[in-house]
Amino acid sequence: MNSMMRSETGRVRSNNEDNCCIFDVKRARIMAVADGIGGIEGGEIASKIAIDTVNEIISAREDIESMSEEELKDVLEFVFREANVRILKAALKDQELMGMGTTLTIAVIRQRKVIVAHMGDCRGYLIHGSSMTQMTADHTYAAELLRNRSITQEEYICHPERHTLVKSLGENAFLIPDLYVYNIIYGDVVMLCTDGLYSFVDDEAIRLSLKKHNDLPNCLDNLFDRAYEAGSDDNITVLLTHVKPEGS
């Protein structure tokens, strides 16, 4: 598997509240992205706590490749619980950080499958041939309205609460993350990204940017160029993994 990631503050923001990581535990590839909320300093701290928790807990599980899907889901849920507790404790120690939180999306690629744990409005995409599937559901107020058919797709695009989160880490009560399992084959691409990309670049443009996925640096260049050309005013983070046979 080939992987690359890029995270940029963007052309408007003065700080980057996104954090991300890609690492291996034996033959399992782990990708994670978090988008902080709750003020300039608080957002950065919350997203860093989440990604540090992913690194610490999952990298210590050398059996991550061989455990059952249910066991892996339990581990991922534990990561979310632990990250949530650490964020809440950090906020209690510093009143200026009260109310900070973060989204978190984790993808574990192993055994021809990708297992995704998700909370918030980062997104996971699976690119298979010429098709692209959004693997995650946005946890925003507007997205809930759309799923309940209370608003149309056209109304959703310009809804004032499109970015108002209904689930995030750092809340008083823990919310269980969404868990998904998708089959993958050689040649597929797994992408995680923050809303600084997809809020300004539609799915079709993203899909076209990833057509030449043998060249991941070029794919990243295309995605970031499209976001900036569309006027993205947010931090932008993109993680890509091209699933390839060993040695290819």
C-alpha atoms as a PDB file:
ATOM      1  CA  MET A   1       0.000   0.000   0.000  1.00  0.00           C
ATOM      2  CA  ASN A   2       1.139   3.493  -0.813  1.00  0.00           C
ATOM      3  CA  SER A   3      -0.032   6.360   1.402  1.00  0.00           C
ATOM      4  CA  MET A   4       0.368  10.117   1.559  1.00  0.00           C
ATOM      5  CA  MET A   5      -1.185  12.884   3.629  1.00  0.00           C
ATOM      6  CA  ARG A   6      -1.182  16.658   3.589  1.00  0.00           C
ATOM      7  CA  SER A   7      -2.588  19.172   6.035  1.00  0.00           C
ATOM      8  CA  GLU A   8      -2.543  22.920   5.385  1.00  0.00           C
ATOM      9  CA  THR A   9      -3.815  25.923   7.327  1.00  0.00           C
ATOM     10  CA  GLY A  10      -5.242  27.377   4.136  1.00  0.00           C
ATOM     11  CA  ARG A  11      -5.282  30.903   2.795  1.00  0.00           C
ATOM     12  CA  VAL A  12      -7.651  32.445   5.361  1.00  0.00           C
ATOM     13  CA  ARG A  13      -7.157  30.805   8.772  1.00  0.00           C
ATOM     14  CA  SER A  14      -4.169  31.719  10.949  1.00  0.00           C
ATOM     15  CA  ASN A  15      -3.932  28.314  12.622  1.00  0.00           C
ATOM     16  CA  ASN A  16      -4.545  24.677  11.756  1.00  0.00           C
ATOM     17  CA  GLU A  17      -7.057  22.864  13.950  1.00  0.00           C
ATOM     18  CA  ASP A  18      -6.728  19.639  11.907  1.00  0.00           C
ATOM     19  CA  ASN A  19      -4.504  16.746  12.961  1.00  0.00           C
ATOM     20  CA  CYS A  20      -3.881  13.458  11.196  1.00  0.00           C
ATOM     21  CA  CYS A  21      -1.682  10.364  11.046  1.00  0.00           C
ATOM     22  CA  ILE A  22      -0.898   7.316   8.924  1.00  0.00           C
ATOM     23  CA  PHE A  23       1.042   4.378  10.345  1.00  0.00           C
ATOM     24  CA  ASP A  24       1.352   0.590  10.138  1.00  0.00           C
ATOM     25  CA  VAL A  25       0.895  -2.086  12.758  1.00  0.00           C
ATOM     26  CA  LYS A  26       2.512  -5.051  11.045  1.00  0.00           C
ATOM     27  CA  ARG A  27       0.493  -5.431   7.795  1.00  0.00           C
ATOM     28  CA  ALA A  28      -2.444  -3.270   8.847  1.00  0.00           C
ATOM     29  CA  ARG A  29      -2.515   0.344   7.636  1.00  0.00           C
ATOM     30  CA  ILE A  30      -4.106   2.879   9.990  1.00  0.00           C
ATOM     31  CA  MET A  31      -5.313   6.308   8.849  1.00  0.00           C
ATOM     32  CA  ALA A  32      -6.896   8.914  11.120  1.00  0.00           C
ATOM     33  CA  VAL A  33      -8.006  12.534  10.844  1.00  0.00           C
ATOM     34  CA  ALA A  34      -9.458  14.943  13.409  1.00  0.00           C
ATOM     35  CA  ASP A  35     -10.863  18.458  12.993  1.00  0.00           C
ATOM     36  CA  GLY A  36     -10.871  20.474  16.208  1.00  0.00           C
ATOM     37  CA  ILE A  37     -13.613  22.794  17.443  1.00  0.00           C
ATOM     38  CA  GLY A  38     -13.889  25.249  20.304  1.00  0.00           C
ATOM     39  CA  GLY A  39     -11.613  28.190  19.728  1.00  0.00           C
ATOM     40  CA  ILE A  40      -8.193  28.710  18.238  1.00  0.00           C
ATOM     41  CA  GLU A  41      -6.129  26.951  20.896  1.00  0.00           C
ATOM     42  CA  GLY A  42      -8.803  24.526  22.093  1.00  0.00           C
ATOM     43  CA  GLY A  43      -9.500  23.065  18.655  1.00  0.00           C
ATOM     44  CA  GLU A  44      -5.847  22.370  18.005  1.00  0.00           C
ATOM     45  CA  ILE A  45      -5.408  20.750  21.407  1.00  0.00           C
ATOM     46  CA  ALA A  46      -8.532  18.584  21.159  1.00  0.00           C
ATOM     47  CA  SER A  47      -7.668  17.226  17.708  1.00  0.00           C
ATOM     48  CA  LYS A  48      -4.083  16.542  18.806  1.00  0.00           C
ATOM     49  CA  ILE A  49      -5.302  14.635  21.870  1.00  0.00           C
ATOM     50  CA  ALA A  50      -7.526  12.513  19.635  1.00  0.00           C
ATOM     51  CA  ILE A  51      -4.769  11.654  17.158  1.00  0.00           C
ATOM     52  CA  ASP A  52      -2.231  11.022  19.945  1.00  0.00           C
ATOM     53  CA  THR A  53      -4.738   8.612  21.506  1.00  0.00           C
ATOM     54  CA  VAL A  54      -5.133   6.771  18.185  1.00  0.00           C
ATOM     55  CA  ASN A  55      -1.367   6.426  17.864  1.00  0.00           C
ATOM     56  CA  GLU A  56      -0.824   5.315  21.437  1.00  0.00           C
ATOM     57  CA  ILE A  57      -3.567   2.702  21.718  1.00  0.00           C
ATOM     58  CA  ILE A  58      -3.602   1.172  18.246  1.00  0.00           C
ATOM     59  CA  SER A  59       0.177   1.048  17.768  1.00  0.00           C
ATOM     60  CA  ALA A  60       0.401  -0.996  20.972  1.00  0.00           C
ATOM     61  CA  ARG A  61      -1.986  -3.649  19.614  1.00  0.00           C
ATOM     62  CA  GLU A  62       0.289  -5.895  17.583  1.00  0.00           C
ATOM     63  CA  ASP A  63      -2.625  -8.284  17.045  1.00  0.00           C
ATOM     64  CA  ILE A  64      -4.624  -5.662  15.133  1.00  0.00           C
ATOM     65  CA  GLU A  65      -4.166  -7.562  11.854  1.00  0.00           C
ATOM     66  CA  SER A  66      -5.388 -10.911  13.161  1.00  0.00           C
ATOM     67  CA  MET A  67      -8.206  -9.980  15.528  1.00  0.00           C
ATOM     68  CA  SER A  68     -11.816 -10.489  14.486  1.00  0.00           C
ATOM     69  CA  GLU A  69     -13.899  -7.640  13.119  1.00  0.00           C
ATOM     70  CA  GLU A  70     -15.884  -7.460  16.344  1.00  0.00           C
ATOM     71  CA  GLU A  71     -12.697  -7.323  18.421  1.00  0.00           C
ATOM     72  CA  LEU A  72     -11.336  -4.559  16.202  1.00  0.00           C
ATOM     73  CA  LYS A  73     -14.581  -2.594  16.511  1.00  0.00           C
ATOM     74  CA  ASP A  74     -14.273  -2.885  20.304  1.00  0.00           C
ATOM     75  CA  VAL A  75     -10.731  -1.490  20.145  1.00  0.00           C
ATOM     76  CA  LEU A  76     -11.853   1.410  17.964  1.00  0.00           C
ATOM     77  CA  GLU A  77     -14.749   2.225  20.295  1.00  0.00           C
ATOM     78  CA  PHE A  78     -12.282   2.187  23.207  1.00  0.00           C
ATOM     79  CA  VAL A  79     -10.061   4.676  21.351  1.00  0.00           C
ATOM     80  CA  PHE A  80     -13.024   7.055  21.026  1.00  0.00           C
ATOM     81  CA  ARG A  81     -13.984   6.655  24.693  1.00  0.00           C
ATOM     82  CA  GLU A  82     -10.426   7.255  25.862  1.00  0.00           C
ATOM     83  CA  ALA A  83      -9.907  10.267  23.600  1.00  0.00           C
ATOM     84  CA  ASN A  84     -13.186  11.737  24.844  1.00  0.00           C
ATOM     85  CA  VAL A  85     -12.145  11.332  28.493  1.00  0.00           C
ATOM     86  CA  ARG A  86      -8.717  12.869  27.848  1.00  0.00           C
ATOM     87  CA  ILE A  87     -10.250  15.888  26.123  1.00  0.00           C
ATOM     88  CA  LEU A  88     -12.715  16.437  28.973  1.00  0.00           C
ATOM     89  CA  LYS A  89      -9.944  16.130  31.588  1.00  0.00           C
ATOM     90  CA  ALA A  90      -7.741  18.601  29.720  1.00  0.00           C
ATOM     91  CA  ALA A  91     -10.628  21.090  29.613  1.00  0.00           C
ATOM     92  CA  LEU A  92     -11.269  20.707  33.347  1.00  0.00           C
ATOM     93  CA  LYS A  93      -7.628  21.587  34.065  1.00  0.00           C
ATOM     94  CA  ASP A  94      -7.781  24.779  32.021  1.00  0.00           C
ATOM     95  CA  GLN A  95     -10.961  26.852  32.038  1.00  0.00           C
ATOM     96  CA  GLU A  96      -9.935  28.552  28.783  1.00  0.00           C
ATOM     97  CA  LEU A  97     -10.285  25.173  27.062  1.00  0.00           C
ATOM     98  CA  MET A  98     -13.824  24.481  28.278  1.00  0.00           C
ATOM     99  CA  GLY A  99     -16.044  23.551  25.364  1.00  0.00           C
ATOM    100  CA  MET A 100     -13.262  22.319  23.125  1.00  0.00           C
ATOM    101  CA  GLY A 101     -13.933  19.218  21.077  1.00  0.00           C
ATOM    102  CA  THR A 102     -13.055  17.449  17.877  1.00  0.00           C
ATOM    103  CA  THR A 103     -14.296  15.174  15.159  1.00  0.00           C
ATOM    104  CA  LEU A 104     -12.453  11.885  14.606  1.00  0.00           C
ATOM    105  CA  THR A 105     -12.436   9.396  11.741  1.00  0.00           C
ATOM    106  CA  ILE A 106     -10.255   6.269  11.729  1.00  0.00           C
ATOM    107  CA  ALA A 107      -9.778   3.774   8.887  1.00  0.00           C
ATOM    108  CA  VAL A 108      -8.026   0.422   9.391  1.00  0.00           C
ATOM    109  CA  ILE A 109      -7.081  -1.357   6.156  1.00  0.00           C
ATOM    110  CA  ARG A 110      -6.361  -5.066   6.493  1.00  0.00           C
ATOM    111  CA  GLN A 111      -7.371  -8.416   5.019  1.00  0.00           C
ATOM    112  CA  ARG A 112      -8.992  -6.913   1.900  1.00  0.00           C
ATOM    113  CA  LYS A 113     -11.321  -4.810   4.066  1.00  0.00           C
ATOM    114  CA  VAL A 114     -11.411  -1.312   5.508  1.00  0.00           C
ATOM    115  CA  ILE A 115     -13.002  -0.836   8.928  1.00  0.00           C
ATOM    116  CA  VAL A 116     -14.016   2.760   9.633  1.00  0.00           C
ATOM    117  CA  ALA A 117     -14.902   4.358  12.965  1.00  0.00           C
ATOM    118  CA  HIS A 118     -16.377   7.826  12.686  1.00  0.00           C
ATOM    119  CA  MET A 119     -17.785  10.740  14.633  1.00  0.00           C
ATOM    120  CA  GLY A 120     -18.279  14.245  13.274  1.00  0.00           C
ATOM    121  CA  ASP A 121     -18.071  15.701   9.785  1.00  0.00           C
ATOM    122  CA  CYS A 122     -14.757  14.538   8.404  1.00  0.00           C
ATOM    123  CA  ARG A 123     -15.390  12.108   5.571  1.00  0.00           C
ATOM    124  CA  GLY A 124     -14.128   8.781   4.336  1.00  0.00           C
ATOM    125  CA  TYR A 125     -14.334   7.902   0.645  1.00  0.00           C
ATOM    126  CA  LEU A 126     -13.653   4.646  -1.203  1.00  0.00           C
ATOM    127  CA  ILE A 127     -12.594   4.954  -4.842  1.00  0.00           C
ATOM    128  CA  HIS A 128     -13.130   1.757  -6.826  1.00  0.00           C
ATOM    129  CA  GLY A 129     -12.406   1.955 -10.552  1.00  0.00           C
ATOM    130  CA  SER A 130     -14.379   4.896 -11.904  1.00  0.00           C
ATOM    131  CA  SER A 131     -16.815   4.982  -8.968  1.00  0.00           C
ATOM    132  CA  MET A 132     -16.562   6.684  -5.596  1.00  0.00           C
ATOM    133  CA  THR A 133     -18.506   5.899  -2.414  1.00  0.00           C
ATOM    134  CA  GLN A 134     -18.823   8.099   0.645  1.00  0.00           C
ATOM    135  CA  MET A 135     -18.186   5.645   3.485  1.00  0.00           C
ATOM    136  CA  THR A 136     -19.255   7.901   6.355  1.00  0.00           C
ATOM    137  CA  ALA A 137     -22.330   9.921   7.311  1.00  0.00           C
ATOM    138  CA  ASP A 138     -21.924  13.562   8.352  1.00  0.00           C
ATOM    139  CA  HIS A 139     -22.984  14.195  11.946  1.00  0.00           C
ATOM    140  CA  THR A 140     -24.348  17.683  11.368  1.00  0.00           C
ATOM    141  CA  TYR A 141     -27.771  19.184  11.971  1.00  0.00           C
ATOM    142  CA  ALA A 142     -28.386  19.790   8.271  1.00  0.00           C
ATOM    143  CA  ALA A 143     -27.292  16.262   7.358  1.00  0.00           C
ATOM    144  CA  GLU A 144     -29.761  14.876   9.914  1.00  0.00           C
ATOM    145  CA  LEU A 145     -32.524  16.924   8.301  1.00  0.00           C
ATOM    146  CA  LEU A 146     -31.542  15.606   4.880  1.00  0.00           C
ATOM    147  CA  ARG A 147     -31.514  11.992   6.052  1.00  0.00           C
ATOM    148  CA  ASN A 148     -34.963  12.514   7.605  1.00  0.00           C
ATOM    149  CA  ARG A 149     -36.139  14.040   4.309  1.00  0.00           C
ATOM    150  CA  SER A 150     -37.032  17.273   6.081  1.00  0.00           C
ATOM    151  CA  ILE A 151     -34.993  19.232   3.530  1.00  0.00           C
ATOM    152  CA  THR A 152     -33.939  18.606  -0.071  1.00  0.00           C
ATOM    153  CA  GLN A 153     -30.401  18.128  -1.385  1.00  0.00           C
ATOM    154  CA  GLU A 154     -30.574  21.633  -2.833  1.00  0.00           C
ATOM    155  CA  GLU A 155     -31.613  23.074   0.541  1.00  0.00           C
ATOM    156  CA  TYR A 156     -28.877  21.111   2.303  1.00  0.00           C
ATOM    157  CA  ILE A 157     -26.098  22.616   0.166  1.00  0.00           C
ATOM    158  CA  CYS A 158     -26.851  26.148   1.385  1.00  0.00           C
ATOM    159  CA  HIS A 159     -28.303  25.313   4.812  1.00  0.00           C
ATOM    160  CA  PRO A 160     -27.015  27.660   7.569  1.00  0.00           C
ATOM    161  CA  GLU A 161     -26.420  24.721   9.924  1.00  0.00           C
ATOM    162  CA  ARG A 162     -24.595  22.512   7.463  1.00  0.00           C
ATOM    163  CA  HIS A 163     -21.533  22.637   9.741  1.00  0.00           C
ATOM    164  CA  THR A 164     -23.321  22.490  13.102  1.00  0.00           C
ATOM    165  CA  LEU A 165     -22.177  19.237  14.690  1.00  0.00           C
ATOM    166  CA  VAL A 166     -24.563  16.942  16.535  1.00  0.00           C
ATOM    167  CA  LYS A 167     -21.833  14.469  17.530  1.00  0.00           C
ATOM    168  CA  SER A 168     -18.256  15.190  18.547  1.00  0.00           C
ATOM    169  CA  LEU A 169     -15.627  14.182  21.086  1.00  0.00           C
ATOM    170  CA  GLY A 170     -15.420  16.485  24.100  1.00  0.00           C
ATOM    171  CA  GLU A 171     -19.119  16.486  24.968  1.00  0.00           C
ATOM    172  CA  ASN A 172     -20.202  15.667  28.513  1.00  0.00           C
ATOM    173  CA  ALA A 173     -21.810  12.372  27.518  1.00  0.00           C
ATOM    174  CA  PHE A 174     -19.969   9.881  25.346  1.00  0.00           C
ATOM    175  CA  LEU A 175     -21.556   9.093  22.018  1.00  0.00           C
ATOM    176  CA  ILE A 176     -20.782   5.786  20.302  1.00  0.00           C
ATOM    177  CA  PRO A 177     -19.041   6.223  16.935  1.00  0.00           C
ATOM    178  CA  ASP A 178     -20.453   4.944  13.690  1.00  0.00           C
ATOM    179  CA  LEU A 179     -18.721   1.768  12.527  1.00  0.00           C
ATOM    180  CA  TYR A 180     -18.536   0.627   8.898  1.00  0.00           C
ATOM    181  CA  VAL A 181     -16.922  -2.273   7.038  1.00  0.00           C
ATOM    182  CA  TYR A 182     -16.200  -2.176   3.287  1.00  0.00           C
ATOM    183  CA  ASN A 183     -14.596  -4.741   0.999  1.00  0.00           C
ATOM    184  CA  ILE A 184     -11.584  -3.494  -0.955  1.00  0.00           C
ATOM    185  CA  ILE A 185      -9.455  -4.905  -3.766  1.00  0.00           C
ATOM    186  CA  TYR A 186      -6.104  -4.027  -5.268  1.00  0.00           C
ATOM    187  CA  GLY A 187      -6.313  -0.725  -7.078  1.00  0.00           C
ATOM    188  CA  ASP A 188      -8.828   0.841  -4.674  1.00  0.00           C
ATOM    189  CA  VAL A 189      -8.091   4.130  -2.928  1.00  0.00           C
ATOM    190  CA  VAL A 190      -9.168   5.037   0.594  1.00  0.00           C
ATOM    191  CA  MET A 191      -9.390   8.759   1.302  1.00  0.00           C
ATOM    192  CA  LEU A 192     -10.064  10.635   4.540  1.00  0.00           C
ATOM    193  CA  CYS A 193     -10.556  14.405   4.464  1.00  0.00           C
ATOM    194  CA  THR A 194     -11.835  17.383   6.423  1.00  0.00           C
ATOM    195  CA  ASP A 195     -14.645  19.691   5.373  1.00  0.00           C
ATOM    196  CA  GLY A 196     -12.142  22.247   4.128  1.00  0.00           C
ATOM    197  CA  LEU A 197     -11.998  20.065   1.011  1.00  0.00           C
ATOM    198  CA  TYR A 198     -15.441  18.620   0.378  1.00  0.00           C
ATOM    199  CA  SER A 199     -17.386  21.756   1.324  1.00  0.00           C
ATOM    200  CA  PHE A 200     -15.808  23.477  -1.671  1.00  0.00           C
ATOM    201  CA  VAL A 201     -15.041  20.608  -4.064  1.00  0.00           C
ATOM    202  CA  ASP A 202     -17.958  18.373  -5.046  1.00  0.00           C
ATOM    203  CA  ASP A 203     -17.760  14.585  -5.219  1.00  0.00           C
ATOM    204  CA  GLU A 204     -17.403  14.458  -8.987  1.00  0.00           C
ATOM    205  CA  ALA A 205     -14.450  16.851  -8.933  1.00  0.00           C
ATOM    206  CA  ILE A 206     -12.864  14.812  -6.129  1.00  0.00           C
ATOM    207  CA  ARG A 207     -13.345  11.620  -8.135  1.00  0.00           C
ATOM    208  CA  LEU A 208     -11.745  13.171 -11.220  1.00  0.00           C
ATOM    209  CA  SER A 209      -8.793  14.392  -9.136  1.00  0.00           C
ATOM    210  CA  LEU A 210      -8.165  10.814  -8.001  1.00  0.00           C
ATOM    211  CA  LYS A 211      -8.349   9.126 -11.416  1.00  0.00           C
ATOM    212  CA  LYS A 212      -4.558   8.878 -11.730  1.00  0.00           C
ATOM    213  CA  HIS A 213      -4.116   7.390  -8.283  1.00  0.00           C
ATOM    214  CA  ASN A 214      -0.787   5.749  -9.135  1.00  0.00           C
ATOM    215  CA  ASP A 215       0.570   9.276  -8.646  1.00  0.00           C
ATOM    216  CA  LEU A 216      -0.569  10.253  -5.155  1.00  0.00           C
ATOM    217  CA  PRO A 217       1.427  13.537  -5.026  1.00  0.00           C
ATOM    218  CA  ASN A 218      -0.342  14.674  -8.197  1.00  0.00           C
ATOM    219  CA  CYS A 219      -3.709  13.666  -6.726  1.00  0.00           C
ATOM    220  CA  LEU A 220      -3.038  15.760  -3.637  1.00  0.00           C
ATOM    221  CA  ASP A 221      -1.920  18.711  -5.756  1.00  0.00           C
ATOM    222  CA  ASN A 222      -5.140  18.509  -7.781  1.00  0.00           C
ATOM    223  CA  LEU A 223      -7.365  18.298  -4.701  1.00  0.00           C
ATOM    224  CA  PHE A 224      -5.740  21.239  -2.931  1.00  0.00           C
ATOM    225  CA  ASP A 225      -5.646  23.338  -6.105  1.00  0.00           C
ATOM    226  CA  ARG A 226      -9.367  22.728  -6.676  1.00  0.00           C
ATOM    227  CA  ALA A 227     -10.182  23.650  -3.056  1.00  0.00           C
ATOM    228  CA  TYR A 228      -8.222  26.893  -3.202  1.00  0.00           C
ATOM    229  CA  GLU A 229      -9.643  27.818  -6.593  1.00  0.00           C
ATOM    230  CA  ALA A 230     -13.139  27.296  -5.150  1.00  0.00           C
ATOM    231  CA  GLY A 231     -12.351  29.707  -2.319  1.00  0.00           C
ATOM    232  CA  SER A 232     -11.865  27.327   0.621  1.00  0.00           C
ATOM    233  CA  ASP A 233     -11.597  29.399   3.796  1.00  0.00           C
ATOM    234  CA  ASP A 234     -10.883  26.493   6.136  1.00  0.00           C
ATOM    235  CA  ASN A 235      -8.017  24.188   7.058  1.00  0.00           C
ATOM    236  CA  ILE A 236      -7.639  21.391   4.505  1.00  0.00           C
ATOM    237  CA  THR A 237      -6.448  17.882   5.332  1.00  0.00           C
ATOM    238  CA  VAL A 238      -6.404  14.878   2.987  1.00  0.00           C
ATOM    239  CA  LEU A 239      -5.101  11.336   3.569  1.00  0.00           C
ATOM    240  CA  LEU A 240      -4.800   8.855   0.695  1.00  0.00           C
ATOM    241  CA  THR A 241      -3.962   5.156   0.597  1.00  0.00           C
ATOM    242  CA  HIS A 242      -3.669   3.290  -2.712  1.00  0.00           C
ATOM    243  CA  VAL A 243      -4.131  -0.431  -2.076  1.00  0.00           C
ATOM    244  CA  LYS A 244      -1.445  -2.250  -4.059  1.00  0.00           C
ATOM    245  CA  PRO A 245       0.136  -5.718  -3.950  1.00  0.00           C
ATOM    246  CA  GLU A 246       3.474  -5.812  -2.152  1.00  0.00           C
ATOM    247  CA  GLY A 247       6.365  -4.903  -4.407  1.00  0.00           C
ATOM    248  CA  SER A 248       4.229  -3.223  -7.059  1.00  0.00           C
END
